[in-house]
Structure formats: C-alpha cells, structure tokens
Amino acid sequence: MIRPATPADVPAILQLIRDLAAYEREPDAVKATVAGLTESLFGAAPTVEAIVADHDGSVVGMALFFTNYSTWSGKNGLYLEDLYVTPEARGSGLGKAFLVRLAQLAVERGYARVEWSVLDWNAPAIGFYRSIGAVPKDEWTVYRLDGDALAALGTAPA
C-alpha cells in the first residue's frame, strides 16, 4: 500500500536513504538525521514530501520529492529526489506504483512534469524508467555547488 509518510515513518525513511546510499556506492555520504528529516517533512514550513510503501506494518519503500518550477511552462513540477524499494520487496510492482502515485499527484495539482536523476551505471533503473515512457534529457548536465565551494561562494562579496 502506498500512503503519505507520517512522522512515525521518519526513522524507516532514514534507513531507506542509507540503504539507497549504499546501493549507489556512497555509504558514508548520508548526513541526514531523524530530527532534520522530521523538520523537512513535517515542520512549520515543510520543504519536501514523502510517500511510503507499507507492507504488514513495515515500511518497505519510499519516494521523497519536492516541488520545482519550469519557467518555460509557467508551471510547477515534482522533482523525485529518492525512490527506493527494499531488495525483498523488489519485483512486486512498488517502483511503478510509486511513479504512478507521483504522476497522479502532479496531474491533480496541475503540474507540468515529474523529473529525477539516475546514475549512468544503473541499467535496471534506466530500463524501468524507459519502460514507463520516461525519456533521458541527454543534452543537460547536472551541476552541483556544495561543501567548500558553496561556503566560499556563499561568503564572497557580490
């Protein structure tokens, strides 16, 4: 069953984020905490949303997403930050169920699109995404400013 996340799900969501990081070969990259995720998801001004897959009272998958905006369409969209299903629950249709629910939310809210990134080496995910009609945006390259470079630019005179 896919349902909106609750504050009680945050520890399980954090564990799934850690599991995803290990799968993506970055097991030590997760700095998120239960308190931080709780604030981001359920605080006074939430910045992200999450839906979870619940099986017999256990969270076996999650999708964490937030709103983005397209200046060209003049509409919001959903950006899928993380989608993860436990190995034991894979092959059950949960990945597609998550994307169907995200597409439903986008349509219900009048949004123009759902977007996400995938690692180039993740052939199973790429094949799955193509099978549902998603297309890669090969002409775009993601840039990131973080760590020391972010701090340096963030403290530089304008």
C-alpha atoms as a PDB file:
ATOM      1  CA  MET A   1       0.000   0.000   0.000  1.00  0.00           C
ATOM      2  CA  ILE A   2       1.368   3.416  -0.990  1.00  0.00           C
ATOM      3  CA  ARG A   3       0.456   6.131   1.504  1.00  0.00           C
ATOM      4  CA  PRO A   4       1.661   9.546   2.665  1.00  0.00           C
ATOM      5  CA  ALA A   5       4.506   9.337   5.168  1.00  0.00           C
ATOM      6  CA  THR A   6       3.854  10.188   8.805  1.00  0.00           C
ATOM      7  CA  PRO A   7       6.276  11.414  11.469  1.00  0.00           C
ATOM      8  CA  ALA A   8       6.422   7.856  12.807  1.00  0.00           C
ATOM      9  CA  ASP A   9       7.879   6.726   9.445  1.00  0.00           C
ATOM     10  CA  VAL A  10      10.905   9.031   9.587  1.00  0.00           C
ATOM     11  CA  PRO A  11      13.330   6.516  11.170  1.00  0.00           C
ATOM     12  CA  ALA A  12      12.407   3.958   8.498  1.00  0.00           C
ATOM     13  CA  ILE A  13      12.746   6.574   5.742  1.00  0.00           C
ATOM     14  CA  LEU A  14      16.206   7.482   7.022  1.00  0.00           C
ATOM     15  CA  GLN A  15      17.222   3.820   6.982  1.00  0.00           C
ATOM     16  CA  LEU A  16      15.979   3.503   3.401  1.00  0.00           C
ATOM     17  CA  ILE A  17      18.012   6.595   2.469  1.00  0.00           C
ATOM     18  CA  ARG A  18      21.075   4.923   3.996  1.00  0.00           C
ATOM     19  CA  ASP A  19      20.320   1.713   2.104  1.00  0.00           C
ATOM     20  CA  LEU A  20      19.986   3.689  -1.137  1.00  0.00           C
ATOM     21  CA  ALA A  21      23.304   5.420  -0.500  1.00  0.00           C
ATOM     22  CA  ALA A  22      24.972   2.030  -0.028  1.00  0.00           C
ATOM     23  CA  TYR A  23      23.398   0.770  -3.263  1.00  0.00           C
ATOM     24  CA  GLU A  24      24.673   3.896  -5.042  1.00  0.00           C
ATOM     25  CA  ARG A  25      28.191   3.180  -3.713  1.00  0.00           C
ATOM     26  CA  GLU A  26      28.209   6.151  -1.316  1.00  0.00           C
ATOM     27  CA  PRO A  27      27.503   4.510   2.064  1.00  0.00           C
ATOM     28  CA  ASP A  28      29.189   7.243   4.108  1.00  0.00           C
ATOM     29  CA  ALA A  29      27.575  10.179   2.295  1.00  0.00           C
ATOM     30  CA  VAL A  30      24.349  10.349   4.321  1.00  0.00           C
ATOM     31  CA  LYS A  31      24.446  13.155   6.880  1.00  0.00           C
ATOM     32  CA  ALA A  32      20.672  13.390   7.361  1.00  0.00           C
ATOM     33  CA  THR A  33      19.218  12.814  10.829  1.00  0.00           C
ATOM     34  CA  VAL A  34      15.795  11.849  12.124  1.00  0.00           C
ATOM     35  CA  ALA A  35      15.391  15.356  13.568  1.00  0.00           C
ATOM     36  CA  GLY A  36      16.395  17.044  10.320  1.00  0.00           C
ATOM     37  CA  LEU A  37      14.159  14.857   8.171  1.00  0.00           C
ATOM     38  CA  THR A  38      11.264  15.361  10.556  1.00  0.00           C
ATOM     39  CA  GLU A  39      11.676  19.131  10.279  1.00  0.00           C
ATOM     40  CA  SER A  40      11.974  18.990   6.480  1.00  0.00           C
ATOM     41  CA  LEU A  41       8.924  16.746   6.099  1.00  0.00           C
ATOM     42  CA  PHE A  42       6.633  17.857   8.922  1.00  0.00           C
ATOM     43  CA  GLY A  43       7.981  21.102  10.394  1.00  0.00           C
ATOM     44  CA  ALA A  44       6.340  24.517  10.332  1.00  0.00           C
ATOM     45  CA  ALA A  45       7.394  25.046   6.684  1.00  0.00           C
ATOM     46  CA  PRO A  46       7.905  21.607   5.084  1.00  0.00           C
ATOM     47  CA  THR A  47      10.256  21.611   2.099  1.00  0.00           C
ATOM     48  CA  VAL A  48       9.835  18.003   0.962  1.00  0.00           C
ATOM     49  CA  GLU A  49       7.145  15.342   0.878  1.00  0.00           C
ATOM     50  CA  ALA A  50       7.337  11.578   1.114  1.00  0.00           C
ATOM     51  CA  ILE A  51       5.164   8.634   0.317  1.00  0.00           C
ATOM     52  CA  VAL A  52       5.906   5.165   1.616  1.00  0.00           C
ATOM     53  CA  ALA A  53       5.055   1.576   0.792  1.00  0.00           C
ATOM     54  CA  ASP A  54       3.630  -0.153   3.834  1.00  0.00           C
ATOM     55  CA  HIS A  55       3.568  -3.945   3.973  1.00  0.00           C
ATOM     56  CA  ASP A  56       2.183  -5.545   7.127  1.00  0.00           C
ATOM     57  CA  GLY A  57       3.115  -2.511   9.205  1.00  0.00           C
ATOM     58  CA  SER A  58       6.663  -2.212   7.876  1.00  0.00           C
ATOM     59  CA  VAL A  59       7.909   0.470   5.504  1.00  0.00           C
ATOM     60  CA  VAL A  60       9.457  -1.351   2.525  1.00  0.00           C
ATOM     61  CA  GLY A  61       9.906   1.572   0.165  1.00  0.00           C
ATOM     62  CA  MET A  62       9.774   5.328  -0.122  1.00  0.00           C
ATOM     63  CA  ALA A  63       9.716   8.197  -2.550  1.00  0.00           C
ATOM     64  CA  LEU A  64      10.921  11.596  -1.348  1.00  0.00           C
ATOM     65  CA  PHE A  65      10.101  14.580  -3.563  1.00  0.00           C
ATOM     66  CA  PHE A  66       9.679  18.337  -3.693  1.00  0.00           C
ATOM     67  CA  THR A  67       8.206  20.991  -5.941  1.00  0.00           C
ATOM     68  CA  ASN A  68      10.264  22.572  -8.691  1.00  0.00           C
ATOM     69  CA  TYR A  69       9.271  25.113 -11.306  1.00  0.00           C
ATOM     70  CA  SER A  70       9.502  25.415 -15.074  1.00  0.00           C
ATOM     71  CA  THR A  71       9.784  28.958 -16.344  1.00  0.00           C
ATOM     72  CA  TRP A  72       9.076  27.703 -19.864  1.00  0.00           C
ATOM     73  CA  SER A  73       5.763  26.053 -18.996  1.00  0.00           C
ATOM     74  CA  GLY A  74       4.973  28.518 -16.218  1.00  0.00           C
ATOM     75  CA  LYS A  75       4.007  25.589 -14.000  1.00  0.00           C
ATOM     76  CA  ASN A  76       5.357  23.669 -11.064  1.00  0.00           C
ATOM     77  CA  GLY A  77       6.624  20.134 -11.307  1.00  0.00           C
ATOM     78  CA  LEU A  78       7.668  17.394  -8.928  1.00  0.00           C
ATOM     79  CA  TYR A  79      11.318  16.524  -8.503  1.00  0.00           C
ATOM     80  CA  LEU A  80      11.847  12.983  -7.259  1.00  0.00           C
ATOM     81  CA  GLU A  81      14.919  13.091  -5.045  1.00  0.00           C
ATOM     82  CA  ASP A  82      14.908   9.457  -3.927  1.00  0.00           C
ATOM     83  CA  LEU A  83      12.964   6.334  -4.800  1.00  0.00           C
ATOM     84  CA  TYR A  84      13.937   3.146  -3.036  1.00  0.00           C
ATOM     85  CA  VAL A  85      12.342  -0.251  -2.516  1.00  0.00           C
ATOM     86  CA  THR A  86      13.943  -2.837  -0.256  1.00  0.00           C
ATOM     87  CA  PRO A  87      15.512  -5.806  -2.050  1.00  0.00           C
ATOM     88  CA  GLU A  88      12.905  -8.134  -0.544  1.00  0.00           C
ATOM     89  CA  ALA A  89      10.047  -6.072  -1.991  1.00  0.00           C
ATOM     90  CA  ARG A  90      11.524  -5.541  -5.446  1.00  0.00           C
ATOM     91  CA  GLY A  91       9.687  -7.112  -8.345  1.00  0.00           C
ATOM     92  CA  SER A  92       6.331  -6.585  -6.633  1.00  0.00           C
ATOM     93  CA  GLY A  93       5.358  -3.541  -8.688  1.00  0.00           C
ATOM     94  CA  LEU A  94       6.121  -0.990  -5.973  1.00  0.00           C
ATOM     95  CA  GLY A  95       8.515   1.040  -8.134  1.00  0.00           C
ATOM     96  CA  LYS A  96       5.817   1.547 -10.734  1.00  0.00           C
ATOM     97  CA  ALA A  97       3.205   2.168  -8.025  1.00  0.00           C
ATOM     98  CA  PHE A  98       5.362   4.971  -6.612  1.00  0.00           C
ATOM     99  CA  LEU A  99       5.752   6.602 -10.024  1.00  0.00           C
ATOM    100  CA  VAL A 100       2.043   6.213 -10.776  1.00  0.00           C
ATOM    101  CA  ARG A 101       1.226   7.950  -7.492  1.00  0.00           C
ATOM    102  CA  LEU A 102       3.699  10.762  -8.215  1.00  0.00           C
ATOM    103  CA  ALA A 103       2.200  11.203 -11.694  1.00  0.00           C
ATOM    104  CA  GLN A 104      -1.264  11.292 -10.133  1.00  0.00           C
ATOM    105  CA  LEU A 105      -0.154  13.972  -7.668  1.00  0.00           C
ATOM    106  CA  ALA A 106       1.354  16.026 -10.488  1.00  0.00           C
ATOM    107  CA  VAL A 107      -1.836  15.769 -12.545  1.00  0.00           C
ATOM    108  CA  GLU A 108      -4.075  16.522  -9.531  1.00  0.00           C
ATOM    109  CA  ARG A 109      -2.008  19.608  -8.711  1.00  0.00           C
ATOM    110  CA  GLY A 110      -1.846  20.838 -12.303  1.00  0.00           C
ATOM    111  CA  TYR A 111       1.918  20.367 -12.531  1.00  0.00           C
ATOM    112  CA  ALA A 112       3.743  20.092 -15.847  1.00  0.00           C
ATOM    113  CA  ARG A 113       6.143  17.235 -15.137  1.00  0.00           C
ATOM    114  CA  VAL A 114       7.886  14.768 -12.852  1.00  0.00           C
ATOM    115  CA  GLU A 115      11.680  14.696 -13.072  1.00  0.00           C
ATOM    116  CA  TRP A 116      14.523  12.806 -11.432  1.00  0.00           C
ATOM    117  CA  SER A 117      18.152  11.831 -11.939  1.00  0.00           C
ATOM    118  CA  VAL A 118      19.596   8.364 -12.328  1.00  0.00           C
ATOM    119  CA  LEU A 119      23.199   7.215 -12.207  1.00  0.00           C
ATOM    120  CA  ASP A 120      24.569   6.314 -15.630  1.00  0.00           C
ATOM    121  CA  TRP A 121      25.564   2.808 -14.490  1.00  0.00           C
ATOM    122  CA  ASN A 122      22.141   1.911 -13.038  1.00  0.00           C
ATOM    123  CA  ALA A 123      20.938  -0.093 -16.033  1.00  0.00           C
ATOM    124  CA  PRO A 124      17.991  -1.782 -14.232  1.00  0.00           C
ATOM    125  CA  ALA A 125      16.558   1.591 -13.204  1.00  0.00           C
ATOM    126  CA  ILE A 126      17.159   3.131 -16.631  1.00  0.00           C
ATOM    127  CA  GLY A 127      15.399   0.229 -18.325  1.00  0.00           C
ATOM    128  CA  PHE A 128      12.475   0.514 -15.929  1.00  0.00           C
ATOM    129  CA  TYR A 129      12.160   4.270 -16.423  1.00  0.00           C
ATOM    130  CA  ARG A 130      12.204   3.901 -20.203  1.00  0.00           C
ATOM    131  CA  SER A 131       9.535   1.179 -19.962  1.00  0.00           C
ATOM    132  CA  ILE A 132       7.087   3.642 -18.396  1.00  0.00           C
ATOM    133  CA  GLY A 133       7.724   6.294 -21.026  1.00  0.00           C
ATOM    134  CA  ALA A 134      10.329   8.441 -19.264  1.00  0.00           C
ATOM    135  CA  VAL A 135      12.998   9.912 -21.517  1.00  0.00           C
ATOM    136  CA  PRO A 136      16.548  10.961 -20.635  1.00  0.00           C
ATOM    137  CA  LYS A 137      17.498  14.600 -21.029  1.00  0.00           C
ATOM    138  CA  ASP A 138      20.896  13.781 -22.503  1.00  0.00           C
ATOM    139  CA  GLU A 139      21.609  17.327 -23.573  1.00  0.00           C
ATOM    140  CA  TRP A 140      21.563  18.546 -19.945  1.00  0.00           C
ATOM    141  CA  THR A 141      24.373  18.100 -17.422  1.00  0.00           C
ATOM    142  CA  VAL A 142      23.693  18.432 -13.712  1.00  0.00           C
ATOM    143  CA  TYR A 143      25.979  20.837 -11.873  1.00  0.00           C
ATOM    144  CA  ARG A 144      26.317  20.936  -8.105  1.00  0.00           C
ATOM    145  CA  LEU A 145      27.815  23.501  -5.773  1.00  0.00           C
ATOM    146  CA  ASP A 146      28.403  22.158  -2.259  1.00  0.00           C
ATOM    147  CA  GLY A 147      30.968  21.789   0.515  1.00  0.00           C
ATOM    148  CA  ASP A 148      33.920  24.157   0.466  1.00  0.00           C
ATOM    149  CA  ALA A 149      32.995  25.607  -2.923  1.00  0.00           C
ATOM    150  CA  LEU A 150      29.498  26.503  -1.666  1.00  0.00           C
ATOM    151  CA  ALA A 151      30.888  28.037   1.504  1.00  0.00           C
ATOM    152  CA  ALA A 152      33.445  30.075  -0.445  1.00  0.00           C
ATOM    153  CA  LEU A 153      30.922  31.414  -2.925  1.00  0.00           C
ATOM    154  CA  GLY A 154      28.323  31.954  -0.213  1.00  0.00           C
ATOM    155  CA  THR A 155      30.676  34.220   1.711  1.00  0.00           C
ATOM    156  CA  ALA A 156      32.172  36.044  -1.281  1.00  0.00           C
ATOM    157  CA  PRO A 157      31.270  39.664  -1.944  1.00  0.00           C
ATOM    158  CA  ALA A 158      28.663  40.035  -4.656  1.00  0.00           C
END
